[in-house]
C-alpha atoms as a PDB file:
ATOM      1  CA  MET A   1       0.000   0.000   0.000  1.00  0.00           C
ATOM      2  CA  TYR A   2       2.726   2.478   0.943  1.00  0.00           C
ATOM      3  CA  LYS A   3       4.629   1.711  -2.262  1.00  0.00           C
ATOM      4  CA  ILE A   4       1.519   2.238  -4.361  1.00  0.00           C
ATOM      5  CA  PHE A   5       0.938   5.679  -2.865  1.00  0.00           C
ATOM      6  CA  ASN A   6       4.530   6.886  -3.066  1.00  0.00           C
ATOM      7  CA  ASP A   7       5.218  10.044  -5.019  1.00  0.00           C
ATOM      8  CA  ILE A   8       6.269   9.549  -8.615  1.00  0.00           C
ATOM      9  CA  MET A   9       9.987  10.370  -8.790  1.00  0.00           C
ATOM     10  CA  ASP A  10       9.915  10.977  -5.021  1.00  0.00           C
ATOM     11  CA  ASN A  11      13.474   9.889  -4.259  1.00  0.00           C
ATOM     12  CA  GLY A  12      15.153  10.286  -7.591  1.00  0.00           C
ATOM     13  CA  PRO A  13      16.736  10.282  -9.990  1.00  0.00           C
ATOM     14  CA  PHE A  14      17.604  13.882  -9.049  1.00  0.00           C
ATOM     15  CA  PRO A  15      19.328  14.643  -5.725  1.00  0.00           C
ATOM     16  CA  GLU A  16      18.168  18.280  -5.796  1.00  0.00           C
ATOM     17  CA  GLU A  17      15.087  20.073  -7.095  1.00  0.00           C
ATOM     18  CA  ALA A  18      17.250  22.475  -9.093  1.00  0.00           C
ATOM     19  CA  GLN A  19      18.643  19.594 -11.135  1.00  0.00           C
ATOM     20  CA  GLU A  20      15.166  18.219 -11.704  1.00  0.00           C
ATOM     21  CA  HIS A  21      13.980  21.625 -12.891  1.00  0.00           C
ATOM     22  CA  GLU A  22      16.906  21.852 -15.306  1.00  0.00           C
ATOM     23  CA  TYR A  23      16.020  18.414 -16.664  1.00  0.00           C
ATOM     24  CA  TRP A  24      12.457  19.461 -17.480  1.00  0.00           C
ATOM     25  CA  GLN A  25      13.708  22.613 -19.180  1.00  0.00           C
ATOM     26  CA  LEU A  26      15.748  20.497 -21.586  1.00  0.00           C
ATOM     27  CA  LEU A  27      12.691  18.615 -22.837  1.00  0.00           C
ATOM     28  CA  PRO A  28      11.110  19.822 -26.097  1.00  0.00           C
ATOM     29  CA  LEU A  29       7.825  21.694 -26.241  1.00  0.00           C
ATOM     30  CA  VAL A  30       4.794  19.597 -27.209  1.00  0.00           C
ATOM     31  CA  PRO A  31       2.229  21.950 -28.780  1.00  0.00           C
ATOM     32  CA  VAL A  32      -0.065  19.123 -29.912  1.00  0.00           C
ATOM     33  CA  VAL A  33      -1.301  18.499 -26.340  1.00  0.00           C
ATOM     34  CA  THR A  34      -4.260  20.673 -25.335  1.00  0.00           C
ATOM     35  CA  SER A  35      -5.736  18.653 -22.441  1.00  0.00           C
ATOM     36  CA  VAL A  36      -4.331  16.637 -19.524  1.00  0.00           C
ATOM     37  CA  LEU A  37      -6.326  14.144 -17.450  1.00  0.00           C
ATOM     38  CA  LEU A  38      -4.821  12.637 -14.272  1.00  0.00           C
ATOM     39  CA  ARG A  39      -7.522  10.524 -12.657  1.00  0.00           C
ATOM     40  CA  GLN A  40      -7.728   9.157  -9.120  1.00  0.00           C
ATOM     41  CA  GLN A  41      -7.167   5.634 -10.458  1.00  0.00           C
ATOM     42  CA  ASN A  42      -3.547   6.684 -10.881  1.00  0.00           C
ATOM     43  CA  ARG A  43      -2.666   6.024  -7.245  1.00  0.00           C
ATOM     44  CA  ARG A  44       0.867   7.323  -7.506  1.00  0.00           C
ATOM     45  CA  ARG A  45       1.136  10.911  -6.344  1.00  0.00           C
ATOM     46  CA  TRP A  46       2.520  13.444  -8.767  1.00  0.00           C
ATOM     47  CA  LYS A  47       4.623  16.121  -7.133  1.00  0.00           C
ATOM     48  CA  PRO A  48       3.089  19.536  -7.862  1.00  0.00           C
ATOM     49  CA  MET A  49       6.479  20.855  -8.979  1.00  0.00           C
ATOM     50  CA  ALA A  50       6.809  18.049 -11.511  1.00  0.00           C
ATOM     51  CA  LEU A  51       3.333  18.811 -12.846  1.00  0.00           C
ATOM     52  CA  ALA A  52       4.181  22.501 -13.172  1.00  0.00           C
ATOM     53  CA  CYS A  53       7.281  21.592 -15.169  1.00  0.00           C
ATOM     54  CA  ILE A  54       5.325  19.208 -17.407  1.00  0.00           C
ATOM     55  CA  PHE A  55       2.581  21.754 -18.060  1.00  0.00           C
ATOM     56  CA  ALA A  56       5.215  24.349 -18.933  1.00  0.00           C
ATOM     57  CA  ARG A  57       6.302  22.134 -21.847  1.00  0.00           C
ATOM     58  CA  LEU A  58       2.737  22.149 -23.236  1.00  0.00           C
ATOM     59  CA  PRO A  59       2.317  25.636 -24.743  1.00  0.00           C
ATOM     60  CA  ARG A  60      -1.208  24.962 -26.082  1.00  0.00           C
ATOM     61  CA  LEU A  61      -2.559  23.374 -22.905  1.00  0.00           C
ATOM     62  CA  ARG A  62      -6.141  24.551 -22.347  1.00  0.00           C
ATOM     63  CA  GLU A  63      -7.624  22.032 -19.910  1.00  0.00           C
ATOM     64  CA  VAL A  64      -6.306  20.327 -16.762  1.00  0.00           C
ATOM     65  CA  HIS A  65      -8.324  17.666 -14.949  1.00  0.00           C
ATOM     66  CA  TYR A  66      -6.456  16.494 -11.849  1.00  0.00           C
ATOM     67  CA  GLU A  67      -7.721  14.149  -9.117  1.00  0.00           C
ATOM     68  CA  PRO A  68      -4.992  13.857  -6.451  1.00  0.00           C
ATOM     69  CA  TRP A  69      -5.193  11.677  -3.353  1.00  0.00           C
ATOM     70  CA  ARG A  70      -5.208  13.417   0.000  1.00  0.00           C
ATOM     71  CA  GLU A  71      -2.135  12.885   2.146  1.00  0.00           C
ATOM     72  CA  TRP A  72      -2.076  10.534   5.124  1.00  0.00           C
ATOM     73  CA  ASP A  73      -1.765  13.225   7.778  1.00  0.00           C
ATOM     74  CA  HIS A  74      -1.580  16.979   8.253  1.00  0.00           C
ATOM     75  CA  ALA A  75       2.215  17.038   8.490  1.00  0.00           C
ATOM     76  CA  GLN A  76       2.492  15.567   5.000  1.00  0.00           C
ATOM     77  CA  GLN A  77      -0.312  17.706   3.609  1.00  0.00           C
ATOM     78  CA  VAL A  78       1.325  21.048   4.442  1.00  0.00           C
ATOM     79  CA  PRO A  79       4.270  20.809   1.989  1.00  0.00           C
ATOM     80  CA  VAL A  80       1.993  19.350  -0.683  1.00  0.00           C
ATOM     81  CA  ASP A  81      -0.343  22.326  -0.316  1.00  0.00           C
ATOM     82  CA  GLU A  82       2.620  24.671  -0.696  1.00  0.00           C
ATOM     83  CA  GLY A  83       3.493  22.815  -3.874  1.00  0.00           C
ATOM     84  CA  MET A  84      -0.090  23.164  -5.077  1.00  0.00           C
ATOM     85  CA  ARG A  85       0.131  26.888  -4.422  1.00  0.00           C
ATOM     86  CA  SER A  86       3.144  27.114  -6.726  1.00  0.00           C
ATOM     87  CA  LEU A  87       1.379  24.974  -9.322  1.00  0.00           C
ATOM     88  CA  MET A  88      -1.664  27.256  -9.269  1.00  0.00           C
ATOM     89  CA  GLU A  89       0.562  30.301  -9.635  1.00  0.00           C
ATOM     90  CA  SER A  90       2.126  28.792 -12.740  1.00  0.00           C
ATOM     91  CA  LEU A  91      -1.299  27.997 -14.214  1.00  0.00           C
ATOM     92  CA  ALA A  92      -2.453  31.562 -13.566  1.00  0.00           C
ATOM     93  CA  SER A  93       0.058  32.797 -16.136  1.00  0.00           C
ATOM     94  CA  SER A  94      -0.606  30.018 -18.651  1.00  0.00           C
ATOM     95  CA  GLN A  95      -3.145  29.460 -21.429  1.00  0.00           C
ATOM     96  CA  VAL A  96      -5.218  27.016 -19.341  1.00  0.00           C
ATOM     97  CA  ARG A  97      -8.887  27.987 -19.404  1.00  0.00           C
ATOM     98  CA  ARG A  98     -10.579  24.927 -17.897  1.00  0.00           C
ATOM     99  CA  LEU A  99      -9.428  23.602 -14.506  1.00  0.00           C
ATOM    100  CA  ILE A 100     -11.005  20.678 -12.655  1.00  0.00           C
ATOM    101  CA  LEU A 101      -9.547  19.592  -9.305  1.00  0.00           C
ATOM    102  CA  PHE A 102     -10.996  16.774  -7.215  1.00  0.00           C
ATOM    103  CA  GLU A 103      -9.124  15.655  -4.116  1.00  0.00           C
ATOM    104  CA  THR A 104      -9.825  12.036  -3.254  1.00  0.00           C
ATOM    105  CA  SER A 105      -9.814  10.178   0.035  1.00  0.00           C
ATOM    106  CA  CYS A 106     -11.202   6.891   1.344  1.00  0.00           C
ATOM    107  CA  PRO A 107     -13.005   6.328   4.695  1.00  0.00           C
ATOM    108  CA  GLN A 108     -11.586   2.805   4.814  1.00  0.00           C
ATOM    109  CA  TYR A 109      -8.179   4.285   5.592  1.00  0.00           C
ATOM    110  CA  LEU A 110      -9.441   5.227   9.066  1.00  0.00           C
ATOM    111  CA  LEU A 111      -9.913   1.536   9.807  1.00  0.00           C
ATOM    112  CA  ASP A 112      -6.744   0.254   8.183  1.00  0.00           C
ATOM    113  CA  PHE A 113      -4.301   2.996   9.195  1.00  0.00           C
ATOM    114  CA  PRO A 114      -4.623   4.356  12.758  1.00  0.00           C
ATOM    115  CA  HIS A 115      -2.384   7.361  12.030  1.00  0.00           C
ATOM    116  CA  PHE A 116      -4.552   8.557   9.129  1.00  0.00           C
ATOM    117  CA  ASP A 117      -6.121  11.947   9.950  1.00  0.00           C
ATOM    118  CA  ALA A 118      -9.901  11.879   9.587  1.00  0.00           C
ATOM    119  CA  ASP A 119     -10.134  15.499   8.467  1.00  0.00           C
ATOM    120  CA  ARG A 120      -8.051  17.114   5.778  1.00  0.00           C
ATOM    121  CA  GLY A 121      -6.831  20.035   7.812  1.00  0.00           C
ATOM    122  CA  SER A 122      -6.444  23.579   6.554  1.00  0.00           C
ATOM    123  CA  THR A 123      -7.346  24.410   2.960  1.00  0.00           C
ATOM    124  CA  VAL A 124      -6.483  28.118   3.187  1.00  0.00           C
ATOM    125  CA  VAL A 125      -3.253  28.030   1.158  1.00  0.00           C
ATOM    126  CA  VAL A 126      -4.779  26.135  -1.755  1.00  0.00           C
ATOM    127  CA  SER A 127      -8.045  28.105  -1.647  1.00  0.00           C
ATOM    128  CA  GLN A 128      -6.205  31.409  -1.904  1.00  0.00           C
ATOM    129  CA  ALA A 129      -3.994  30.176  -4.739  1.00  0.00           C
ATOM    130  CA  ILE A 130      -6.948  28.841  -6.726  1.00  0.00           C
ATOM    131  CA  ALA A 131      -8.781  32.128  -6.209  1.00  0.00           C
ATOM    132  CA  ARG A 132      -5.933  34.007  -7.880  1.00  0.00           C
ATOM    133  CA  ALA A 133      -5.656  31.426 -10.665  1.00  0.00           C
ATOM    134  CA  SER A 134      -9.385  31.673 -11.411  1.00  0.00           C
ATOM    135  CA  LEU A 135      -9.116  35.144 -12.928  1.00  0.00           C
ATOM    136  CA  MET A 136      -8.110  33.820 -16.352  1.00  0.00           C
ATOM    137  CA  LEU A 137     -10.295  30.708 -16.358  1.00  0.00           C
ATOM    138  CA  GLU A 138     -13.541  29.976 -18.159  1.00  0.00           C
ATOM    139  CA  HIS A 139     -14.431  26.891 -16.105  1.00  0.00           C
ATOM    140  CA  LEU A 140     -13.341  26.096 -12.543  1.00  0.00           C
ATOM    141  CA  SER A 141     -14.365  23.148 -10.413  1.00  0.00           C
ATOM    142  CA  ALA A 142     -12.389  22.547  -7.207  1.00  0.00           C
ATOM    143  CA  SER A 143     -13.471  19.973  -4.648  1.00  0.00           C
ATOM    144  CA  PHE A 144     -12.309  19.250  -1.078  1.00  0.00           C
ATOM    145  CA  MET A 145      -8.844  20.788  -1.417  1.00  0.00           C
ATOM    146  CA  VAL A 146     -10.575  24.166  -1.426  1.00  0.00           C
ATOM    147  CA  ASP A 147     -13.285  25.709   0.728  1.00  0.00           C
ATOM    148  CA  ALA A 148     -15.642  28.223  -0.831  1.00  0.00           C
ATOM    149  CA  SER A 149     -15.568  30.470   2.246  1.00  0.00           C
ATOM    150  CA  GLU A 150     -11.776  30.776   2.021  1.00  0.00           C
ATOM    151  CA  PHE A 151     -11.916  31.192  -1.756  1.00  0.00           C
ATOM    152  CA  PHE A 152     -14.275  34.163  -1.551  1.00  0.00           C
ATOM    153  CA  ALA A 153     -12.450  35.646   1.454  1.00  0.00           C
ATOM    154  CA  ALA A 154      -9.253  35.749  -0.620  1.00  0.00           C
ATOM    155  CA  LEU A 155     -10.782  37.827  -3.415  1.00  0.00           C
ATOM    156  CA  ASP A 156      -9.553  41.348  -4.005  1.00  0.00           C
ATOM    157  CA  PRO A 157     -12.311  43.954  -4.545  1.00  0.00           C
ATOM    158  CA  SER A 158     -10.538  45.118  -7.697  1.00  0.00           C
ATOM    159  CA  TRP A 159     -10.601  41.674  -9.335  1.00  0.00           C
ATOM    160  CA  ARG A 160     -12.790  41.095 -12.376  1.00  0.00           C
ATOM    161  CA  TRP A 161     -13.490  37.787 -14.092  1.00  0.00           C
ATOM    162  CA  CYS A 162     -13.897  38.462 -17.794  1.00  0.00           C
ATOM    163  CA  ASN A 163     -14.254  34.865 -18.980  1.00  0.00           C
ATOM    164  CA  LEU A 164     -15.511  32.686 -16.117  1.00  0.00           C
ATOM    165  CA  THR A 165     -18.791  30.960 -16.983  1.00  0.00           C
ATOM    166  CA  TRP A 166     -18.809  28.031 -14.520  1.00  0.00           C
ATOM    167  CA  LEU A 167     -17.698  27.925 -10.887  1.00  0.00           C
ATOM    168  CA  ALA A 168     -18.121  24.932  -8.572  1.00  0.00           C
ATOM    169  CA  LEU A 169     -16.574  24.764  -5.103  1.00  0.00           C
ATOM    170  CA  THR A 170     -17.002  22.659  -1.985  1.00  0.00           C
ATOM    171  CA  SER A 171     -17.502  24.026   1.522  1.00  0.00           C
ATOM    172  CA  ARG A 172     -17.465  22.372   4.916  1.00  0.00           C
ATOM    173  CA  LEU A 173     -19.947  25.004   6.076  1.00  0.00           C
ATOM    174  CA  LEU A 174     -22.776  23.181   4.304  1.00  0.00           C
ATOM    175  CA  THR A 175     -23.409  20.763   7.152  1.00  0.00           C
ATOM    176  CA  PRO A 176     -26.081  20.826   9.893  1.00  0.00           C
ATOM    177  CA  ASP A 177     -23.583  21.417  12.712  1.00  0.00           C
ATOM    178  CA  GLN A 178     -22.153  24.629  11.243  1.00  0.00           C
ATOM    179  CA  ASP A 179     -23.115  28.148  12.269  1.00  0.00           C
ATOM    180  CA  ALA A 180     -25.931  29.538  10.119  1.00  0.00           C
ATOM    181  CA  ASP A 181     -24.612  33.110  10.268  1.00  0.00           C
ATOM    182  CA  THR A 182     -21.210  31.993   9.001  1.00  0.00           C
ATOM    183  CA  MET A 183     -22.901  30.160   6.151  1.00  0.00           C
ATOM    184  CA  ASP A 184     -24.911  33.280   5.304  1.00  0.00           C
ATOM    185  CA  ASP A 185     -21.713  35.340   5.252  1.00  0.00           C
ATOM    186  CA  MET A 186     -20.198  32.919   2.751  1.00  0.00           C
ATOM    187  CA  LEU A 187     -23.250  33.073   0.489  1.00  0.00           C
ATOM    188  CA  GLU A 188     -23.234  36.874   0.629  1.00  0.00           C
ATOM    189  CA  ALA A 189     -19.560  36.855  -0.370  1.00  0.00           C
ATOM    190  CA  ALA A 190     -20.413  34.473  -3.206  1.00  0.00           C
ATOM    191  CA  ALA A 191     -23.140  36.831  -4.415  1.00  0.00           C
ATOM    192  CA  ALA A 192     -20.754  39.786  -4.331  1.00  0.00           C
ATOM    193  CA  ALA A 193     -18.205  37.815  -6.340  1.00  0.00           C
ATOM    194  CA  ALA A 194     -20.840  36.760  -8.871  1.00  0.00           C
ATOM    195  CA  MET A 195     -21.576  40.418  -9.561  1.00  0.00           C
ATOM    196  CA  THR A 196     -18.019  40.805 -10.893  1.00  0.00           C
ATOM    197  CA  MET A 197     -18.212  37.678 -13.076  1.00  0.00           C
ATOM    198  CA  ARG A 198     -20.036  39.148 -16.030  1.00  0.00           C
ATOM    199  CA  LYS A 199     -20.177  35.923 -18.056  1.00  0.00           C
ATOM    200  CA  LEU A 200     -21.013  33.612 -15.157  1.00  0.00           C
ATOM    201  CA  GLU A 201     -23.744  31.132 -16.041  1.00  0.00           C
ATOM    202  CA  THR A 202     -23.585  28.670 -13.142  1.00  0.00           C
ATOM    203  CA  MET A 203     -22.189  28.756  -9.608  1.00  0.00           C
ATOM    204  CA  GLU A 204     -22.374  25.728  -7.330  1.00  0.00           C
ATOM    205  CA  ILE A 205     -21.294  25.457  -3.703  1.00  0.00           C
ATOM    206  CA  TRP A 206     -21.682  21.958  -2.354  1.00  0.00           C
ATOM    207  CA  ASN A 207     -20.566  19.409   0.182  1.00  0.00           C
ATOM    208  CA  GLY A 208     -20.929  15.668   0.259  1.00  0.00           C
ATOM    209  CA  SER A 209     -20.019  12.690   2.399  1.00  0.00           C
ATOM    210  CA  GLU A 210     -21.600   9.364   3.270  1.00  0.00           C
ATOM    211  CA  GLY A 211     -25.246  10.004   4.134  1.00  0.00           C
ATOM    212  CA  LEU A 212     -24.871  13.776   3.961  1.00  0.00           C
ATOM    213  CA  ALA A 213     -25.042  16.143   1.000  1.00  0.00           C
ATOM    214  CA  MET A 214     -26.058  19.713   0.219  1.00  0.00           C
ATOM    215  CA  VAL A 215     -25.786  22.009  -2.778  1.00  0.00           C
ATOM    216  CA  PHE A 216     -26.436  25.692  -3.398  1.00  0.00           C
ATOM    217  CA  ARG A 217     -26.775  26.407  -7.115  1.00  0.00           C
ATOM    218  CA  TYR A 218     -27.158  29.686  -8.986  1.00  0.00           C
ATOM    219  CA  LYS A 219     -28.031  29.583 -12.672  1.00  0.00           C
ATOM    220  CA  ARG A 220     -28.113  32.627 -14.851  1.00  0.00           C
ATOM    221  CA  ALA A 221     -31.366  33.089 -16.704  1.00  0.00           C
ATOM    222  CA  PRO A 222     -31.888  34.223 -20.280  1.00  0.00           C
ATOM    223  CA  ALA A 223     -32.239  37.932 -20.879  1.00  0.00           C
ATOM    224  CA  ARG A 224     -35.049  39.593 -18.892  1.00  0.00           C
ATOM    225  CA  ALA A 225     -35.813  36.440 -16.930  1.00  0.00           C
ATOM    226  CA  MET A 226     -35.179  35.823 -13.245  1.00  0.00           C
ATOM    227  CA  ALA A 227     -32.122  33.832 -12.215  1.00  0.00           C
ATOM    228  CA  GLU A 228     -32.673  30.382 -10.724  1.00  0.00           C
ATOM    229  CA  ILE A 229     -31.414  29.525  -7.234  1.00  0.00           C
ATOM    230  CA  THR A 230     -31.669  25.954  -5.973  1.00  0.00           C
ATOM    231  CA  ILE A 231     -30.854  24.620  -2.505  1.00  0.00           C
ATOM    232  CA  ARG A 232     -31.009  20.891  -1.902  1.00  0.00           C
ATOM    233  CA  GLY A 233     -29.792  18.693   0.914  1.00  0.00           C
ATOM    234  CA  THR A 234     -30.276  15.428   2.719  1.00  0.00           C
END
């Protein structure tokens, strides 16, 4: 199990990150690739730095669909989140217009591995980085590695989204045990952000786990018609 979930190229062949970075820079550009899909069935973890280097060799990359596995514990998650921050910063200056991120975990780990942390821990670093990267996107879906409340809290009042048409985020606030006022604050922040997304057609904020699910959905209506807001939960 531990071998399966090791990072790809975790302990080599490069003794230092600088040498690894130089290696990627020597590889040719591949303009034919426009989309990358890394599904959860690939149980080996890609280092965010390696992904950033790979994406940099794809000058016509427009879509990234990445489903990483959550780390075993908080101590391991912190450096990975810092790597994800750097990856998001690199995507913010790229030609990528469609970004789908889905962080995967498995409840069975709690039974098989006593040291596995039940909760993910902080998502602030990744949420803030994805917020900045979203400015150039047309489609953004980020699940579990980001929290909508932190995403909207990171927004600068001067930001404007000229191309974003679809936004889907998860939030741990959408559970019965959370404070209703805090949830309202998040939805108000979401509404304020939507006002600066002139092409936005759909916004979804959702949460889901075994036996528990909730979604808040805003859909833009045709001209002169009222927008549609849907709230559903178990």
